[in-house]
Structures are given as C-alpha cells and as structure tokens.
Amino acid sequence: MKTTLTRRPVVLAALSLLLAASRPAPAQRASRVARVGILSQGGPPPEGTRWPVHGIFVDRLRELGWTEGVNLQLEFRYGHSTAAGIVAAAGELAALKPDVLVASGTPGIRALLDATRTIPIVMAGAGDPVGTGLVASLARPGGNVTGVSLLGQEILAKASGLLHELLPKARRIDLLGSAVNPANDYFARVWADAVRMLGVEGRMVIVPHAEDIEPTIAGVRADAIVVLPDPMFVTNPQRLFDACLRRRLPAATTGGNAYAHGGALLNYSVNFDDLYRQGAVYVDRILRGANPADTPVEQPSRYELILNLKTARALGLKLPQSLLLQATEVIE
C-alpha cells in the first residue's frame, strides 16, 4: 500500500507534465508578435474601416487567441482590381517577410506564390487550386500554399444549370471573365463541359479593362451569361449589371451576395464569410507550427442561392416556385 500511495502522485504529476507539453501554448502567452499579410484584390475600404470579410477574419483570429496590438500585427495591401496592382501588392507583402500571407481568389494567390515560395500562404477561397496549379493535391498541397477551395468546376455547373432552369429556351449561355485572372484557360475548359451537359452553346468572353465592361456586354450575343467572381467585377457590380439590364441580358454569378445585391438575377456560391472564418483557422494552425505542405486543403460545406426579384421583374421574367423554395435569400 505504501508503495502505491507514494508512487501514484508522482505518476499523475508526470502525466500532467506530459499533457501540458503536448498542448499548444495559448497564443496570449506568445513572446513574439505574429505578423500576417492580407492581400485584397480590389481597392481599400473607406478610411478607418475594414471590408466586412476582413473584420470576420480578425474576429475569428481573436477567438483563437490572436489579438491585434497584443500578439498580432496585420498588414493589408490592395491590388485595385488590376493585374499590375495585384502583382505589386503581393510583392510588397512578401518583402515584409510576415509569418503568413492570406488572399482570396486565384489572381491574388497566384501573385503571392510568384512572389515567394517560402512564406506560408493561406487561401481564403480559390476556384480550383489543383486545376490552376496552386497546390499539388487537396490532401497533400506539397508547397507553401494551403487553405480553402471554392470547388469552381462544380459551382459553375450548378449556376449555369439554375440559369437554364429559369430560361429553358436559351440556346446560348456565355461565361464572363476578366483579363486579370490567370485561370481563364482552366475556366474556359470547365465552361465548355458545363454548357455541353446542358445541351446549349457557350463560350468565354473576356473583359480587358473596367472601361470595357459596357461595350463588352453590348456585344454579347448569348441569351444569358454567368459572371465569374473577379476583382474587376466585384468593384463595379452596378456598372456591370446596369449594362446587362440595358442589353436585357439575364446574368447569374458565383461571387457572393455583393453581386446579387448589385443587380445579378441570381447568385449561387459558397458563403464567403465562412471562407474567411476557416482561413483564420489555417493561419492559427500555421502560426502554431503546422506545415502548409502537409496541411490538407478543405472544401466548403455551405452554399447559398440568392435570387433578385427586382431584376427578374425588370427583365420580364417570372421565377418558378421550385427555384424560390431553394433560395437562401430573395431580394425584393
């Protein structure tokens, strides 16, 4: 009995020490300040504010133990919706040598990857990271990039199917992209498969610059279009969809609620707030020692369908009840 009574506390103490050593130290106790660089493909928000998704990202980091001004420093750079601007912003961030870099969308992530092959890069959403060469595979990214995928191929097919459900007599549906996106060749191939499955014609139409939005839309000869998420379009939604209305061209998007509220007929996409929340989880993992090469890329779990009744009325379209019942949001 004496042996048992004297050894048991020692064993328990040893186990406690072992468990404590294996548990990550709370971020609040970190002796150094972690630096995170965030690349936004568009322009900066109004002075003194942040874009809502960036606020969500920072809030999630705080929940995970990383607080600005305590153990976290954030650096934001903006690409101003141009290829040159995105590349320049990526280069500026990489030159700061932060602990982690973050971006959403293929153009920004590609620019960061071209700027550094050593600093970990977290994707807060990318169309198809394997198909566009950002990672070797979802299970084993193999380089300095990991994060959350957008499943671009599946989303485009779904969005085009929903649009065709609204317009069953449509014979041609085009895909609208911009010259900024390095993944255009990939999306053109994906689109060819999508329209083939629907039994309609379609091609990819490229907008060279923001000032070309209106003449490009005016020259579209399709019955409808699907708009890719792109920094050029997300900063000019009113311009884009006003041009579509003048042309009486129904437009679907895969870029989130900003497009739907800007005048798109429908939006089918992931929930972009979720992408940034999960992106913060990846940043936390890397700051605590995870290797991006061995950290699997995750896929979205939540999707949303937003319908714009105001745009439908302007186009003289009646939305079927079957589609309205699927919607997560209906804009009156």
Foldseek 3Di string as FASTA:
>chain_A
DVVCVVCVVVVVVVVVVVVVVPDFDALLPDPAAAEEEEEAAADADPPPDHDPLVVLLQVLLVVSRHHPPRRYDYHYAYQNQALVSLLVRLLVRVVVVGQEYEYEEQLNLVSVCVNDFPRAYEYLEYQDCCLLVVAVAQQFRQTRYAAAYFPNLVQVLVQVVLVCVQVVPWQEEEEEEEPNHPCVVVVQVSVCVSVVVVNHHYGYQYQHALVSLLVSLLPDPGQAYEYEAGNSCLVPLLVNQVSCLVSLHAYEYAHDDSNVVSQHQKYKGAHSSVSSSRSSVVVSVVVSPDRRRNDGHHYGDGMFMEGEVVNCVSSVTDDDPVVVVRGPYYHD
